Amino acid sequence: MDENNRTDRKILVKGLKRMAICLLLMFAGPTLLHIALSNDDKPLYIPLLILAIILCIGAIAMFFIGLNTIADSIFKKK
């Protein structure tokens, strides 16, 4: 096996950490969204709704960033 075709383990670990953050956000965002939408008469409805939407968007962004990082570690040559 050629040395140029090996997976860069540092970048792979970085991508897996980003995917772990994505997994946390994938649970936190929809959970907070459900809590916010079930309590629409409470005073914290709007801030909680905004936070939940930001976490959901963050989960999507971290998924693509983590996937791109993992792909870079596998396919890019030095």
PDB file of N, CA and C in Angstrom:
ATOM      1  N   MET A   1       0.846  -1.181   0.000  1.00  0.00           N
ATOM      2  CA  MET A   1       0.000   0.000   0.000  1.00  0.00           C
ATOM      3  C   MET A   1       0.887   1.238   0.000  1.00  0.00           C
ATOM      4  N   ASP A   2       0.551   2.180  -0.838  1.00  0.00           N
ATOM      5  CA  ASP A   2       1.340   3.387  -0.982  1.00  0.00           C
ATOM      6  C   ASP A   2       1.113   4.317   0.213  1.00  0.00           C
ATOM      7  N   GLU A   3       2.144   5.035   0.597  1.00  0.00           N
ATOM      8  CA  GLU A   3       2.061   5.937   1.744  1.00  0.00           C
ATOM      9  C   GLU A   3       1.108   7.110   1.478  1.00  0.00           C
ATOM     10  N   ASN A   4       0.916   7.482   0.232  1.00  0.00           N
ATOM     11  CA  ASN A   4       0.055   8.621  -0.101  1.00  0.00           C
ATOM     12  C   ASN A   4      -1.430   8.293   0.005  1.00  0.00           C
ATOM     13  N   ASN A   5      -1.805   7.036   0.051  1.00  0.00           N
ATOM     14  CA  ASN A   5      -3.213   6.650   0.058  1.00  0.00           C
ATOM     15  C   ASN A   5      -3.736   6.283   1.444  1.00  0.00           C
ATOM     16  N   ARG A   6      -3.022   6.594   2.482  1.00  0.00           N
ATOM     17  CA  ARG A   6      -3.460   6.211   3.827  1.00  0.00           C
ATOM     18  C   ARG A   6      -4.380   7.270   4.426  1.00  0.00           C
ATOM     19  N   THR A   7      -5.224   6.827   5.317  1.00  0.00           N
ATOM     20  CA  THR A   7      -6.143   7.732   5.999  1.00  0.00           C
ATOM     21  C   THR A   7      -5.388   8.537   7.049  1.00  0.00           C
ATOM     22  N   ASP A   8      -5.646   9.846   7.061  1.00  0.00           N
ATOM     23  CA  ASP A   8      -5.036  10.718   8.066  1.00  0.00           C
ATOM     24  C   ASP A   8      -5.847  10.590   9.359  1.00  0.00           C
ATOM     25  N   ARG A   9      -5.262   9.958  10.347  1.00  0.00           N
ATOM     26  CA  ARG A   9      -6.007   9.645  11.578  1.00  0.00           C
ATOM     27  C   ARG A   9      -6.354  10.883  12.399  1.00  0.00           C
ATOM     28  N   LYS A  10      -5.504  11.900  12.388  1.00  0.00           N
ATOM     29  CA  LYS A  10      -5.806  13.126  13.148  1.00  0.00           C
ATOM     30  C   LYS A  10      -7.062  13.799  12.609  1.00  0.00           C
ATOM     31  N   ILE A  11      -7.151  13.889  11.295  1.00  0.00           N
ATOM     32  CA  ILE A  11      -8.322  14.521  10.683  1.00  0.00           C
ATOM     33  C   ILE A  11      -9.557  13.634  10.868  1.00  0.00           C
ATOM     34  N   LEU A  12      -9.367  12.328  10.837  1.00  0.00           N
ATOM     35  CA  LEU A  12     -10.493  11.407  11.047  1.00  0.00           C
ATOM     36  C   LEU A  12     -11.059  11.557  12.454  1.00  0.00           C
ATOM     37  N   VAL A  13     -10.194  11.653  13.452  1.00  0.00           N
ATOM     38  CA  VAL A  13     -10.654  11.838  14.837  1.00  0.00           C
ATOM     39  C   VAL A  13     -11.371  13.174  14.979  1.00  0.00           C
ATOM     40  N   LYS A  14     -10.856  14.199  14.317  1.00  0.00           N
ATOM     41  CA  LYS A  14     -11.503  15.509  14.352  1.00  0.00           C
ATOM     42  C   LYS A  14     -12.910  15.428  13.751  1.00  0.00           C
ATOM     43  N   GLY A  15     -13.050  14.688  12.651  1.00  0.00           N
ATOM     44  CA  GLY A  15     -14.367  14.520  12.033  1.00  0.00           C
ATOM     45  C   GLY A  15     -15.316  13.727  12.904  1.00  0.00           C
ATOM     46  N   LEU A  16     -14.809  12.706  13.580  1.00  0.00           N
ATOM     47  CA  LEU A  16     -15.661  11.916  14.473  1.00  0.00           C
ATOM     48  C   LEU A  16     -16.117  12.728  15.686  1.00  0.00           C
ATOM     49  N   LYS A  17     -15.259  13.629  16.167  1.00  0.00           N
ATOM     50  CA  LYS A  17     -15.663  14.515  17.271  1.00  0.00           C
ATOM     51  C   LYS A  17     -16.778  15.446  16.813  1.00  0.00           C
ATOM     52  N   ARG A  18     -16.663  15.935  15.589  1.00  0.00           N
ATOM     53  CA  ARG A  18     -17.715  16.807  15.058  1.00  0.00           C
ATOM     54  C   ARG A  18     -19.025  16.043  14.882  1.00  0.00           C
ATOM     55  N   MET A  19     -18.937  14.786  14.504  1.00  0.00           N
ATOM     56  CA  MET A  19     -20.149  13.980  14.365  1.00  0.00           C
ATOM     57  C   MET A  19     -20.770  13.697  15.739  1.00  0.00           C
ATOM     58  N   ALA A  20     -19.947  13.576  16.771  1.00  0.00           N
ATOM     59  CA  ALA A  20     -20.472  13.392  18.131  1.00  0.00           C
ATOM     60  C   ALA A  20     -21.208  14.652  18.589  1.00  0.00           C
ATOM     61  N   ILE A  21     -20.662  15.815  18.275  1.00  0.00           N
ATOM     62  CA  ILE A  21     -21.342  17.070  18.596  1.00  0.00           C
ATOM     63  C   ILE A  21     -22.663  17.144  17.838  1.00  0.00           C
ATOM     64  N   CYS A  22     -22.647  16.715  16.592  1.00  0.00           N
ATOM     65  CA  CYS A  22     -23.870  16.678  15.783  1.00  0.00           C
ATOM     66  C   CYS A  22     -24.925  15.789  16.435  1.00  0.00           C
ATOM     67  N   LEU A  23     -24.504  14.637  16.940  1.00  0.00           N
ATOM     68  CA  LEU A  23     -25.443  13.719  17.579  1.00  0.00           C
ATOM     69  C   LEU A  23     -26.089  14.352  18.810  1.00  0.00           C
ATOM     70  N   LEU A  24     -25.290  15.054  19.606  1.00  0.00           N
ATOM     71  CA  LEU A  24     -25.852  15.747  20.778  1.00  0.00           C
ATOM     72  C   LEU A  24     -26.862  16.815  20.350  1.00  0.00           C
ATOM     73  N   LEU A  25     -26.510  17.572  19.324  1.00  0.00           N
ATOM     74  CA  LEU A  25     -27.419  18.614  18.851  1.00  0.00           C
ATOM     75  C   LEU A  25     -28.683  18.028  18.224  1.00  0.00           C
ATOM     76  N   MET A  26     -28.560  16.844  17.630  1.00  0.00           N
ATOM     77  CA  MET A  26     -29.724  16.202  17.016  1.00  0.00           C
ATOM     78  C   MET A  26     -30.751  15.774  18.065  1.00  0.00           C
ATOM     79  N   PHE A  27     -30.315  15.528  19.274  1.00  0.00           N
ATOM     80  CA  PHE A  27     -31.249  15.205  20.344  1.00  0.00           C
ATOM     81  C   PHE A  27     -31.724  16.453  21.082  1.00  0.00           C
ATOM     82  N   ALA A  28     -30.814  17.390  21.315  1.00  0.00           N
ATOM     83  CA  ALA A  28     -31.155  18.578  22.096  1.00  0.00           C
ATOM     84  C   ALA A  28     -32.108  19.508  21.346  1.00  0.00           C
ATOM     85  N   GLY A  29     -31.869  19.722  20.064  1.00  0.00           N
ATOM     86  CA  GLY A  29     -32.694  20.654  19.293  1.00  0.00           C
ATOM     87  C   GLY A  29     -34.159  20.256  19.221  1.00  0.00           C
ATOM     88  N   PRO A  30     -34.476  19.057  18.732  1.00  0.00           N
ATOM     89  CA  PRO A  30     -35.893  18.666  18.667  1.00  0.00           C
ATOM     90  C   PRO A  30     -36.550  18.530  20.038  1.00  0.00           C
ATOM     91  N   THR A  31     -35.786  18.144  21.050  1.00  0.00           N
ATOM     92  CA  THR A  31     -36.361  18.054  22.399  1.00  0.00           C
ATOM     93  C   THR A  31     -36.788  19.431  22.890  1.00  0.00           C
ATOM     94  N   LEU A  32     -35.904  20.416  22.730  1.00  0.00           N
ATOM     95  CA  LEU A  32     -36.256  21.774  23.137  1.00  0.00           C
ATOM     96  C   LEU A  32     -37.384  22.339  22.276  1.00  0.00           C
ATOM     97  N   LEU A  33     -37.410  21.969  21.012  1.00  0.00           N
ATOM     98  CA  LEU A  33     -38.484  22.422  20.130  1.00  0.00           C
ATOM     99  C   LEU A  33     -39.831  21.867  20.594  1.00  0.00           C
ATOM    100  N   HIS A  34     -39.843  20.608  20.980  1.00  0.00           N
ATOM    101  CA  HIS A  34     -41.078  20.010  21.491  1.00  0.00           C
ATOM    102  C   HIS A  34     -41.515  20.679  22.794  1.00  0.00           C
ATOM    103  N   ILE A  35     -40.565  20.943  23.675  1.00  0.00           N
ATOM    104  CA  ILE A  35     -40.892  21.609  24.938  1.00  0.00           C
ATOM    105  C   ILE A  35     -41.432  23.009  24.677  1.00  0.00           C
ATOM    106  N   ALA A  36     -40.790  23.730  23.758  1.00  0.00           N
ATOM    107  CA  ALA A  36     -41.233  25.093  23.466  1.00  0.00           C
ATOM    108  C   ALA A  36     -42.623  25.107  22.837  1.00  0.00           C
ATOM    109  N   LEU A  37     -42.889  24.197  21.913  1.00  0.00           N
ATOM    110  CA  LEU A  37     -44.187  24.206  21.238  1.00  0.00           C
ATOM    111  C   LEU A  37     -45.318  23.680  22.108  1.00  0.00           C
ATOM    112  N   SER A  38     -44.999  22.909  23.131  1.00  0.00           N
ATOM    113  CA  SER A  38     -46.057  22.415  24.015  1.00  0.00           C
ATOM    114  C   SER A  38     -46.394  23.408  25.123  1.00  0.00           C
ATOM    115  N   ASN A  39     -45.568  24.421  25.307  1.00  0.00           N
ATOM    116  CA  ASN A  39     -45.810  25.434  26.343  1.00  0.00           C
ATOM    117  C   ASN A  39     -45.852  26.821  25.723  1.00  0.00           C
ATOM    118  N   ASP A  40     -46.756  27.044  24.784  1.00  0.00           N
ATOM    119  CA  ASP A  40     -46.773  28.331  24.085  1.00  0.00           C
ATOM    120  C   ASP A  40     -47.351  29.479  24.899  1.00  0.00           C
ATOM    121  N   ASP A  41     -47.887  29.205  26.080  1.00  0.00           N
ATOM    122  CA  ASP A  41     -48.416  30.275  26.920  1.00  0.00           C
ATOM    123  C   ASP A  41     -47.428  30.724  27.998  1.00  0.00           C
ATOM    124  N   LYS A  42     -46.268  30.111  28.066  1.00  0.00           N
ATOM    125  CA  LYS A  42     -45.257  30.463  29.076  1.00  0.00           C
ATOM    126  C   LYS A  42     -44.441  31.670  28.602  1.00  0.00           C
ATOM    127  N   PRO A  43     -43.815  32.395  29.534  1.00  0.00           N
ATOM    128  CA  PRO A  43     -43.044  33.590  29.139  1.00  0.00           C
ATOM    129  C   PRO A  43     -41.745  33.265  28.386  1.00  0.00           C
ATOM    130  N   LEU A  44     -41.211  32.078  28.546  1.00  0.00           N
ATOM    131  CA  LEU A  44     -39.971  31.718  27.861  1.00  0.00           C
ATOM    132  C   LEU A  44     -40.216  31.023  26.523  1.00  0.00           C
ATOM    133  N   TYR A  45     -41.411  31.161  25.975  1.00  0.00           N
ATOM    134  CA  TYR A  45     -41.758  30.480  24.727  1.00  0.00           C
ATOM    135  C   TYR A  45     -40.867  30.935  23.569  1.00  0.00           C
ATOM    136  N   ILE A  46     -40.759  32.228  23.348  1.00  0.00           N
ATOM    137  CA  ILE A  46     -39.995  32.756  22.210  1.00  0.00           C
ATOM    138  C   ILE A  46     -38.497  32.484  22.352  1.00  0.00           C
ATOM    139  N   PRO A  47     -37.855  32.766  23.500  1.00  0.00           N
ATOM    140  CA  PRO A  47     -36.414  32.464  23.593  1.00  0.00           C
ATOM    141  C   PRO A  47     -36.105  30.971  23.447  1.00  0.00           C
ATOM    142  N   LEU A  48     -36.946  30.139  24.005  1.00  0.00           N
ATOM    143  CA  LEU A  48     -36.728  28.694  23.898  1.00  0.00           C
ATOM    144  C   LEU A  48     -36.930  28.203  22.472  1.00  0.00           C
ATOM    145  N   LEU A  49     -37.905  28.777  21.785  1.00  0.00           N
ATOM    146  CA  LEU A  49     -38.147  28.432  20.386  1.00  0.00           C
ATOM    147  C   LEU A  49     -36.969  28.849  19.506  1.00  0.00           C
ATOM    148  N   ILE A  50     -36.447  30.031  19.731  1.00  0.00           N
ATOM    149  CA  ILE A  50     -35.293  30.508  18.967  1.00  0.00           C
ATOM    150  C   ILE A  50     -34.075  29.637  19.232  1.00  0.00           C
ATOM    151  N   LEU A  51     -33.834  29.282  20.491  1.00  0.00           N
ATOM    152  CA  LEU A  51     -32.706  28.421  20.844  1.00  0.00           C
ATOM    153  C   LEU A  51     -32.840  27.040  20.201  1.00  0.00           C
ATOM    154  N   ALA A  52     -34.039  26.498  20.202  1.00  0.00           N
ATOM    155  CA  ALA A  52     -34.270  25.181  19.612  1.00  0.00           C
ATOM    156  C   ALA A  52     -34.017  25.195  18.107  1.00  0.00           C
ATOM    157  N   ILE A  53     -34.456  26.243  17.437  1.00  0.00           N
ATOM    158  CA  ILE A  53     -34.237  26.347  15.993  1.00  0.00           C
ATOM    159  C   ILE A  53     -32.753  26.498  15.685  1.00  0.00           C
ATOM    160  N   ILE A  54     -32.049  27.270  16.482  1.00  0.00           N
ATOM    161  CA  ILE A  54     -30.600  27.427  16.294  1.00  0.00           C
ATOM    162  C   ILE A  54     -29.884  26.092  16.498  1.00  0.00           C
ATOM    163  N   LEU A  55     -30.292  25.322  17.505  1.00  0.00           N
ATOM    164  CA  LEU A  55     -29.673  24.016  17.734  1.00  0.00           C
ATOM    165  C   LEU A  55     -29.959  23.046  16.591  1.00  0.00           C
ATOM    166  N   CYS A  56     -31.161  23.092  16.043  1.00  0.00           N
ATOM    167  CA  CYS A  56     -31.485  22.216  14.901  1.00  0.00           C
ATOM    168  C   CYS A  56     -30.655  22.582  13.676  1.00  0.00           C
ATOM    169  N   ILE A  57     -30.516  23.866  13.406  1.00  0.00           N
ATOM    170  CA  ILE A  57     -29.681  24.304  12.284  1.00  0.00           C
ATOM    171  C   ILE A  57     -28.221  23.943  12.540  1.00  0.00           C
ATOM    172  N   GLY A  58     -27.784  24.079  13.794  1.00  0.00           N
ATOM    173  CA  GLY A  58     -26.418  23.691  14.148  1.00  0.00           C
ATOM    174  C   GLY A  58     -26.158  22.212  13.952  1.00  0.00           C
ATOM    175  N   ALA A  59     -27.156  21.386  14.233  1.00  0.00           N
ATOM    176  CA  ALA A  59     -27.002  19.941  14.028  1.00  0.00           C
ATOM    177  C   ALA A  59     -26.822  19.618  12.553  1.00  0.00           C
ATOM    178  N   ILE A  60     -27.593  20.270  11.708  1.00  0.00           N
ATOM    179  CA  ILE A  60     -27.468  20.042  10.267  1.00  0.00           C
ATOM    180  C   ILE A  60     -26.105  20.501   9.773  1.00  0.00           C
ATOM    181  N   ALA A  61     -25.676  21.668  10.233  1.00  0.00           N
ATOM    182  CA  ALA A  61     -24.375  22.198   9.812  1.00  0.00           C
ATOM    183  C   ALA A  61     -23.234  21.303  10.293  1.00  0.00           C
ATOM    184  N   MET A  62     -23.291  20.862  11.551  1.00  0.00           N
ATOM    185  CA  MET A  62     -22.220  20.003  12.067  1.00  0.00           C
ATOM    186  C   MET A  62     -22.195  18.655  11.369  1.00  0.00           C
ATOM    187  N   PHE A  63     -23.344  18.168  10.911  1.00  0.00           N
ATOM    188  CA  PHE A  63     -23.375  16.915  10.168  1.00  0.00           C
ATOM    189  C   PHE A  63     -22.583  17.043   8.870  1.00  0.00           C
ATOM    190  N   PHE A  64     -22.841  18.112   8.116  1.00  0.00           N
ATOM    191  CA  PHE A  64     -22.145  18.283   6.852  1.00  0.00           C
ATOM    192  C   PHE A  64     -20.666  18.605   7.049  1.00  0.00           C
ATOM    193  N   ILE A  65     -20.343  19.395   8.068  1.00  0.00           N
ATOM    194  CA  ILE A  65     -18.938  19.708   8.341  1.00  0.00           C
ATOM    195  C   ILE A  65     -18.191  18.445   8.769  1.00  0.00           C
ATOM    196  N   GLY A  66     -18.797  17.651   9.654  1.00  0.00           N
ATOM    197  CA  GLY A  66     -18.157  16.412  10.108  1.00  0.00           C
ATOM    198  C   GLY A  66     -18.001  15.405   8.994  1.00  0.00           C
ATOM    199  N   LEU A  67     -19.013  15.273   8.153  1.00  0.00           N
ATOM    200  CA  LEU A  67     -18.943  14.349   7.025  1.00  0.00           C
ATOM    201  C   LEU A  67     -17.869  14.779   6.032  1.00  0.00           C
ATOM    202  N   ASN A  68     -17.770  16.080   5.789  1.00  0.00           N
ATOM    203  CA  ASN A  68     -16.741  16.597   4.892  1.00  0.00           C
ATOM    204  C   ASN A  68     -15.348  16.364   5.474  1.00  0.00           C
ATOM    205  N   THR A  69     -15.185  16.528   6.773  1.00  0.00           N
ATOM    206  CA  THR A  69     -13.892  16.303   7.418  1.00  0.00           C
ATOM    207  C   THR A  69     -13.490  14.833   7.331  1.00  0.00           C
ATOM    208  N   ILE A  70     -14.434  13.942   7.550  1.00  0.00           N
ATOM    209  CA  ILE A  70     -14.141  12.505   7.448  1.00  0.00           C
ATOM    210  C   ILE A  70     -13.781  12.141   6.012  1.00  0.00           C
ATOM    211  N   ALA A  71     -14.502  12.695   5.055  1.00  0.00           N
ATOM    212  CA  ALA A  71     -14.189  12.416   3.652  1.00  0.00           C
ATOM    213  C   ALA A  71     -12.806  12.958   3.279  1.00  0.00           C
ATOM    214  N   ASP A  72     -12.460  14.129   3.812  1.00  0.00           N
ATOM    215  CA  ASP A  72     -11.125  14.672   3.554  1.00  0.00           C
ATOM    216  C   ASP A  72     -10.034  13.788   4.127  1.00  0.00           C
ATOM    217  N   SER A  73     -10.279  13.211   5.285  1.00  0.00           N
ATOM    218  CA  SER A  73      -9.251  12.354   5.902  1.00  0.00           C
ATOM    219  C   SER A  73      -9.046  11.069   5.108  1.00  0.00           C
ATOM    220  N   ILE A  74     -10.081  10.622   4.428  1.00  0.00           N
ATOM    221  CA  ILE A  74      -9.976   9.364   3.680  1.00  0.00           C
ATOM    222  C   ILE A  74      -9.453   9.598   2.265  1.00  0.00           C
ATOM    223  N   PHE A  75      -9.958  10.609   1.577  1.00  0.00           N
ATOM    224  CA  PHE A  75      -9.709  10.733   0.148  1.00  0.00           C
ATOM    225  C   PHE A  75      -8.633  11.735  -0.257  1.00  0.00           C
ATOM    226  N   LYS A  76      -8.301  12.703   0.594  1.00  0.00           N
ATOM    227  CA  LYS A  76      -7.298  13.687   0.181  1.00  0.00           C
ATOM    228  C   LYS A  76      -5.896  13.129   0.309  1.00  0.00           C
ATOM    229  N   LYS A  77      -5.084  13.484  -0.652  1.00  0.00           N
ATOM    230  CA  LYS A  77      -3.675  13.072  -0.622  1.00  0.00           C
ATOM    231  C   LYS A  77      -2.828  14.215  -0.100  1.00  0.00           C
ATOM    232  N   LYS A  78      -1.749  13.884   0.549  1.00  0.00           N
ATOM    233  CA  LYS A  78      -0.858  14.921   1.090  1.00  0.00           C
ATOM    234  C   LYS A  78       0.074  15.418   0.029  1.00  0.00           C
TER     235      LYS A  78
END
